[in-house]
Amino acid sequence: MRITINGQARECEPATLQELWRSETEHLDLAGPRGFAIARNGRVVRQLDWGSTSVAAGDRIEIIRVMPGG
């Protein structure tokens, strides 16, 4: 299916937001999603709901990493 992740059109298999986050951040070698937010079609999804929120064809996903500092 075709979705948009951080402004880039991509093809991907059906997945949950949790699975998508893991796939998109695996190169960072992170222990968990602390400091990240995900928006699906303009609405922020609580981290508690990532595992039960499916990604659908045409979705616009934004994965944001919060960085401390000024």
PDB file of N, CA and C in Angstrom:
ATOM      1  N   MET A   1       0.845  -1.172   0.000  1.00  0.00           N
ATOM      2  CA  MET A   1       0.000   0.000   0.000  1.00  0.00           C
ATOM      3  C   MET A   1       0.894   1.240   0.000  1.00  0.00           C
ATOM      4  N   ARG A   2       0.342   2.341  -0.439  1.00  0.00           N
ATOM      5  CA  ARG A   2       1.104   3.585  -0.533  1.00  0.00           C
ATOM      6  C   ARG A   2       0.678   4.532   0.592  1.00  0.00           C
ATOM      7  N   ILE A   3       1.671   5.015   1.342  1.00  0.00           N
ATOM      8  CA  ILE A   3       1.443   5.998   2.399  1.00  0.00           C
ATOM      9  C   ILE A   3       2.501   7.090   2.274  1.00  0.00           C
ATOM     10  N   THR A   4       2.341   8.152   3.040  1.00  0.00           N
ATOM     11  CA  THR A   4       3.332   9.219   3.081  1.00  0.00           C
ATOM     12  C   THR A   4       3.905   9.277   4.490  1.00  0.00           C
ATOM     13  N   ILE A   5       5.239   9.187   4.588  1.00  0.00           N
ATOM     14  CA  ILE A   5       5.920   9.254   5.878  1.00  0.00           C
ATOM     15  C   ILE A   5       6.842  10.463   5.850  1.00  0.00           C
ATOM     16  N   ASN A   6       6.593  11.398   6.752  1.00  0.00           N
ATOM     17  CA  ASN A   6       7.395  12.624   6.840  1.00  0.00           C
ATOM     18  C   ASN A   6       7.568  13.284   5.473  1.00  0.00           C
ATOM     19  N   GLY A   7       6.470  13.353   4.726  1.00  0.00           N
ATOM     20  CA  GLY A   7       6.467  14.045   3.450  1.00  0.00           C
ATOM     21  C   GLY A   7       6.941  13.244   2.254  1.00  0.00           C
ATOM     22  N   GLN A   8       7.350  11.985   2.463  1.00  0.00           N
ATOM     23  CA  GLN A   8       7.844  11.155   1.362  1.00  0.00           C
ATOM     24  C   GLN A   8       6.884   9.997   1.101  1.00  0.00           C
ATOM     25  N   ALA A   9       6.460   9.870  -0.155  1.00  0.00           N
ATOM     26  CA  ALA A   9       5.580   8.763  -0.531  1.00  0.00           C
ATOM     27  C   ALA A   9       6.367   7.460  -0.476  1.00  0.00           C
ATOM     28  N   ARG A  10       5.739   6.438   0.110  1.00  0.00           N
ATOM     29  CA  ARG A  10       6.401   5.136   0.252  1.00  0.00           C
ATOM     30  C   ARG A  10       5.406   4.018   0.040  1.00  0.00           C
ATOM     31  N   GLU A  11       5.941   2.878  -0.358  1.00  0.00           N
ATOM     32  CA  GLU A  11       5.163   1.642  -0.411  1.00  0.00           C
ATOM     33  C   GLU A  11       5.507   0.850   0.840  1.00  0.00           C
ATOM     34  N   CYS A  12       4.502   0.282   1.500  1.00  0.00           N
ATOM     35  CA  CYS A  12       4.783  -0.534   2.681  1.00  0.00           C
ATOM     36  C   CYS A  12       3.703  -1.591   2.841  1.00  0.00           C
ATOM     37  N   GLU A  13       4.022  -2.583   3.627  1.00  0.00           N
ATOM     38  CA  GLU A  13       3.067  -3.633   3.967  1.00  0.00           C
ATOM     39  C   GLU A  13       2.134  -3.100   5.056  1.00  0.00           C
ATOM     40  N   PRO A  14       0.937  -3.633   5.167  1.00  0.00           N
ATOM     41  CA  PRO A  14       0.057  -3.235   6.256  1.00  0.00           C
ATOM     42  C   PRO A  14       0.760  -3.416   7.605  1.00  0.00           C
ATOM     43  N   ALA A  15       0.605  -2.453   8.479  1.00  0.00           N
ATOM     44  CA  ALA A  15       1.308  -2.478   9.762  1.00  0.00           C
ATOM     45  C   ALA A  15       0.573  -1.600  10.764  1.00  0.00           C
ATOM     46  N   THR A  16       1.011  -1.697  12.015  1.00  0.00           N
ATOM     47  CA  THR A  16       0.540  -0.766  13.038  1.00  0.00           C
ATOM     48  C   THR A  16       1.533   0.388  13.117  1.00  0.00           C
ATOM     49  N   LEU A  17       1.161   1.439  13.816  1.00  0.00           N
ATOM     50  CA  LEU A  17       2.092   2.555  14.003  1.00  0.00           C
ATOM     51  C   LEU A  17       3.334   2.105  14.766  1.00  0.00           C
ATOM     52  N   GLN A  18       3.179   1.181  15.716  1.00  0.00           N
ATOM     53  CA  GLN A  18       4.323   0.669  16.473  1.00  0.00           C
ATOM     54  C   GLN A  18       5.313  -0.027  15.544  1.00  0.00           C
ATOM     55  N   GLU A  19       4.807  -0.881  14.660  1.00  0.00           N
ATOM     56  CA  GLU A  19       5.673  -1.584  13.710  1.00  0.00           C
ATOM     57  C   GLU A  19       6.335  -0.605  12.746  1.00  0.00           C
ATOM     58  N   LEU A  20       5.594   0.391  12.313  1.00  0.00           N
ATOM     59  CA  LEU A  20       6.144   1.397  11.410  1.00  0.00           C
ATOM     60  C   LEU A  20       7.240   2.195  12.108  1.00  0.00           C
ATOM     61  N   TRP A  21       7.005   2.584  13.369  1.00  0.00           N
ATOM     62  CA  TRP A  21       8.031   3.318  14.132  1.00  0.00           C
ATOM     63  C   TRP A  21       9.307   2.488  14.238  1.00  0.00           C
ATOM     64  N   ARG A  22       9.170   1.202  14.575  1.00  0.00           N
ATOM     65  CA  ARG A  22      10.347   0.326  14.677  1.00  0.00           C
ATOM     66  C   ARG A  22      11.103   0.266  13.356  1.00  0.00           C
ATOM     67  N   SER A  23      10.377   0.107  12.272  1.00  0.00           N
ATOM     68  CA  SER A  23      10.996   0.019  10.948  1.00  0.00           C
ATOM     69  C   SER A  23      11.730   1.311  10.581  1.00  0.00           C
ATOM     70  N   GLU A  24      11.124   2.441  10.891  1.00  0.00           N
ATOM     71  CA  GLU A  24      11.708   3.736  10.519  1.00  0.00           C
ATOM     72  C   GLU A  24      12.869   4.150  11.420  1.00  0.00           C
ATOM     73  N   THR A  25      12.967   3.586  12.621  1.00  0.00           N
ATOM     74  CA  THR A  25      14.008   4.018  13.563  1.00  0.00           C
ATOM     75  C   THR A  25      15.015   2.924  13.906  1.00  0.00           C
ATOM     76  N   GLU A  26      14.933   1.759  13.260  1.00  0.00           N
ATOM     77  CA  GLU A  26      15.817   0.644  13.619  1.00  0.00           C
ATOM     78  C   GLU A  26      17.292   1.004  13.489  1.00  0.00           C
ATOM     79  N   HIS A  27      17.638   1.884  12.575  1.00  0.00           N
ATOM     80  CA  HIS A  27      19.037   2.284  12.383  1.00  0.00           C
ATOM     81  C   HIS A  27      19.565   3.136  13.540  1.00  0.00           C
ATOM     82  N   LEU A  28      18.674   3.641  14.402  1.00  0.00           N
ATOM     83  CA  LEU A  28      19.080   4.483  15.529  1.00  0.00           C
ATOM     84  C   LEU A  28      19.457   3.669  16.765  1.00  0.00           C
ATOM     85  N   ASP A  29      19.163   2.364  16.777  1.00  0.00           N
ATOM     86  CA  ASP A  29      19.482   1.476  17.899  1.00  0.00           C
ATOM     87  C   ASP A  29      18.935   2.022  19.217  1.00  0.00           C
ATOM     88  N   LEU A  30      17.646   2.291  19.248  1.00  0.00           N
ATOM     89  CA  LEU A  30      16.988   2.863  20.418  1.00  0.00           C
ATOM     90  C   LEU A  30      16.397   1.770  21.298  1.00  0.00           C
ATOM     91  N   ALA A  31      16.319   2.050  22.595  1.00  0.00           N
ATOM     92  CA  ALA A  31      15.709   1.104  23.531  1.00  0.00           C
ATOM     93  C   ALA A  31      14.185   1.149  23.451  1.00  0.00           C
ATOM     94  N   GLY A  32      13.627   2.290  23.063  1.00  0.00           N
ATOM     95  CA  GLY A  32      12.178   2.440  23.004  1.00  0.00           C
ATOM     96  C   GLY A  32      11.794   3.772  22.406  1.00  0.00           C
ATOM     97  N   PRO A  33      10.493   4.046  22.354  1.00  0.00           N
ATOM     98  CA  PRO A  33      10.003   5.242  21.671  1.00  0.00           C
ATOM     99  C   PRO A  33      10.003   6.524  22.496  1.00  0.00           C
ATOM    100  N   ARG A  34      10.683   6.531  23.616  1.00  0.00           N
ATOM    101  CA  ARG A  34      10.703   7.732  24.454  1.00  0.00           C
ATOM    102  C   ARG A  34      11.215   8.925  23.646  1.00  0.00           C
ATOM    103  N   GLY A  35      10.492  10.041  23.724  1.00  0.00           N
ATOM    104  CA  GLY A  35      10.895  11.245  23.009  1.00  0.00           C
ATOM    105  C   GLY A  35      10.373  11.328  21.584  1.00  0.00           C
ATOM    106  N   PHE A  36       9.502  10.396  21.191  1.00  0.00           N
ATOM    107  CA  PHE A  36       8.926  10.408  19.846  1.00  0.00           C
ATOM    108  C   PHE A  36       7.426  10.670  19.911  1.00  0.00           C
ATOM    109  N   ALA A  37       6.918  11.258  18.843  1.00  0.00           N
ATOM    110  CA  ALA A  37       5.479  11.430  18.659  1.00  0.00           C
ATOM    111  C   ALA A  37       5.150  11.009  17.233  1.00  0.00           C
ATOM    112  N   ILE A  38       3.952  10.480  17.051  1.00  0.00           N
ATOM    113  CA  ILE A  38       3.486  10.117  15.716  1.00  0.00           C
ATOM    114  C   ILE A  38       2.122  10.757  15.496  1.00  0.00           C
ATOM    115  N   ALA A  39       1.990  11.400  14.334  1.00  0.00           N
ATOM    116  CA  ALA A  39       0.697  11.928  13.908  1.00  0.00           C
ATOM    117  C   ALA A  39       0.241  11.124  12.693  1.00  0.00           C
ATOM    118  N   ARG A  40      -1.017  10.773  12.688  1.00  0.00           N
ATOM    119  CA  ARG A  40      -1.628  10.052  11.555  1.00  0.00           C
ATOM    120  C   ARG A  40      -2.732  10.935  10.998  1.00  0.00           C
ATOM    121  N   ASN A  41      -2.553  11.357   9.763  1.00  0.00           N
ATOM    122  CA  ASN A  41      -3.526  12.230   9.098  1.00  0.00           C
ATOM    123  C   ASN A  41      -3.819  13.490   9.915  1.00  0.00           C
ATOM    124  N   GLY A  42      -2.757  14.074  10.462  1.00  0.00           N
ATOM    125  CA  GLY A  42      -2.876  15.342  11.175  1.00  0.00           C
ATOM    126  C   GLY A  42      -3.286  15.252  12.629  1.00  0.00           C
ATOM    127  N   ARG A  43      -3.464  14.047  13.153  1.00  0.00           N
ATOM    128  CA  ARG A  43      -3.862  13.884  14.558  1.00  0.00           C
ATOM    129  C   ARG A  43      -2.815  13.074  15.298  1.00  0.00           C
ATOM    130  N   VAL A  44      -2.352  13.600  16.414  1.00  0.00           N
ATOM    131  CA  VAL A  44      -1.359  12.896  17.223  1.00  0.00           C
ATOM    132  C   VAL A  44      -2.008  11.662  17.842  1.00  0.00           C
ATOM    133  N   VAL A  45      -1.284  10.547  17.785  1.00  0.00           N
ATOM    134  CA  VAL A  45      -1.757   9.281  18.358  1.00  0.00           C
ATOM    135  C   VAL A  45      -0.939   8.999  19.619  1.00  0.00           C
ATOM    136  N   ARG A  46      -1.621   8.729  20.733  1.00  0.00           N
ATOM    137  CA  ARG A  46      -0.921   8.426  21.984  1.00  0.00           C
ATOM    138  C   ARG A  46      -0.043   7.193  21.813  1.00  0.00           C
ATOM    139  N   GLN A  47       1.135   7.202  22.441  1.00  0.00           N
ATOM    140  CA  GLN A  47       2.031   6.042  22.345  1.00  0.00           C
ATOM    141  C   GLN A  47       1.341   4.761  22.796  1.00  0.00           C
ATOM    142  N   LEU A  48       0.479   4.848  23.774  1.00  0.00           N
ATOM    143  CA  LEU A  48      -0.248   3.663  24.245  1.00  0.00           C
ATOM    144  C   LEU A  48      -1.096   3.042  23.142  1.00  0.00           C
ATOM    145  N   ASP A  49      -1.473   3.824  22.137  1.00  0.00           N
ATOM    146  CA  ASP A  49      -2.337   3.341  21.061  1.00  0.00           C
ATOM    147  C   ASP A  49      -1.585   2.950  19.792  1.00  0.00           C
ATOM    148  N   TRP A  50      -0.274   3.133  19.748  1.00  0.00           N
ATOM    149  CA  TRP A  50       0.487   2.818  18.533  1.00  0.00           C
ATOM    150  C   TRP A  50       0.313   1.361  18.118  1.00  0.00           C
ATOM    151  N   GLY A  51       0.330   0.445  19.074  1.00  0.00           N
ATOM    152  CA  GLY A  51       0.240  -0.981  18.761  1.00  0.00           C
ATOM    153  C   GLY A  51      -1.117  -1.419  18.249  1.00  0.00           C
ATOM    154  N   SER A  52      -2.148  -0.642  18.514  1.00  0.00           N
ATOM    155  CA  SER A  52      -3.498  -1.004  18.065  1.00  0.00           C
ATOM    156  C   SER A  52      -4.011  -0.100  16.944  1.00  0.00           C
ATOM    157  N   THR A  53      -3.166   0.813  16.470  1.00  0.00           N
ATOM    158  CA  THR A  53      -3.566   1.721  15.389  1.00  0.00           C
ATOM    159  C   THR A  53      -2.949   1.251  14.083  1.00  0.00           C
ATOM    160  N   SER A  54      -3.792   0.793  13.181  1.00  0.00           N
ATOM    161  CA  SER A  54      -3.319   0.297  11.887  1.00  0.00           C
ATOM    162  C   SER A  54      -3.088   1.448  10.917  1.00  0.00           C
ATOM    163  N   VAL A  55      -2.106   1.254  10.052  1.00  0.00           N
ATOM    164  CA  VAL A  55      -1.824   2.203   8.982  1.00  0.00           C
ATOM    165  C   VAL A  55      -2.631   1.755   7.768  1.00  0.00           C
ATOM    166  N   ALA A  56      -3.296   2.705   7.106  1.00  0.00           N
ATOM    167  CA  ALA A  56      -4.119   2.387   5.938  1.00  0.00           C
ATOM    168  C   ALA A  56      -3.570   3.084   4.700  1.00  0.00           C
ATOM    169  N   ALA A  57      -3.889   2.544   3.546  1.00  0.00           N
ATOM    170  CA  ALA A  57      -3.459   3.151   2.283  1.00  0.00           C
ATOM    171  C   ALA A  57      -3.898   4.612   2.245  1.00  0.00           C
ATOM    172  N   GLY A  58      -2.986   5.475   1.825  1.00  0.00           N
ATOM    173  CA  GLY A  58      -3.278   6.898   1.722  1.00  0.00           C
ATOM    174  C   GLY A  58      -2.999   7.694   2.984  1.00  0.00           C
ATOM    175  N   ASP A  59      -2.665   7.015   4.091  1.00  0.00           N
ATOM    176  CA  ASP A  59      -2.377   7.734   5.337  1.00  0.00           C
ATOM    177  C   ASP A  59      -1.169   8.650   5.182  1.00  0.00           C
ATOM    178  N   ARG A  60      -1.210   9.758   5.921  1.00  0.00           N
ATOM    179  CA  ARG A  60      -0.074  10.675   6.035  1.00  0.00           C
ATOM    180  C   ARG A  60       0.455  10.551   7.463  1.00  0.00           C
ATOM    181  N   ILE A  61       1.663  10.032   7.588  1.00  0.00           N
ATOM    182  CA  ILE A  61       2.269   9.768   8.890  1.00  0.00           C
ATOM    183  C   ILE A  61       3.436  10.721   9.096  1.00  0.00           C
ATOM    184  N   GLU A  62       3.478  11.342  10.261  1.00  0.00           N
ATOM    185  CA  GLU A  62       4.622  12.169  10.654  1.00  0.00           C
ATOM    186  C   GLU A  62       5.216  11.544  11.909  1.00  0.00           C
ATOM    187  N   ILE A  63       6.499  11.207  11.851  1.00  0.00           N
ATOM    188  CA  ILE A  63       7.220  10.677  13.010  1.00  0.00           C
ATOM    189  C   ILE A  63       8.179  11.770  13.448  1.00  0.00           C
ATOM    190  N   ILE A  64       7.995  12.232  14.673  1.00  0.00           N
ATOM    191  CA  ILE A  64       8.737  13.385  15.175  1.00  0.00           C
ATOM    192  C   ILE A  64       9.534  12.976  16.397  1.00  0.00           C
ATOM    193  N   ARG A  65      10.797  13.367  16.417  1.00  0.00           N
ATOM    194  CA  ARG A  65      11.646  13.118  17.585  1.00  0.00           C
ATOM    195  C   ARG A  65      11.869  14.440  18.302  1.00  0.00           C
ATOM    196  N   VAL A  66      11.498  14.470  19.569  1.00  0.00           N
ATOM    197  CA  VAL A  66      11.658  15.668  20.384  1.00  0.00           C
ATOM    198  C   VAL A  66      13.102  15.750  20.845  1.00  0.00           C
ATOM    199  N   MET A  67      13.734  16.874  20.611  1.00  0.00           N
ATOM    200  CA  MET A  67      15.130  17.078  20.999  1.00  0.00           C
ATOM    201  C   MET A  67      15.190  18.190  22.046  1.00  0.00           C
ATOM    202  N   PRO A  68      15.765  17.916  23.214  1.00  0.00           N
ATOM    203  CA  PRO A  68      15.875  18.958  24.234  1.00  0.00           C
ATOM    204  C   PRO A  68      16.912  20.010  23.838  1.00  0.00           C
ATOM    205  N   GLY A  69      16.775  21.164  24.409  1.00  0.00           N
ATOM    206  CA  GLY A  69      17.742  22.231  24.133  1.00  0.00           C
ATOM    207  C   GLY A  69      17.059  23.450  23.550  1.00  0.00           C
ATOM    208  N   GLY A  70      17.873  24.436  23.226  1.00  0.00           N
ATOM    209  CA  GLY A  70      17.278  25.685  22.744  1.00  0.00           C
ATOM    210  C   GLY A  70      17.695  26.098  21.412  1.00  0.00           C
TER     211      GLY A  70
END
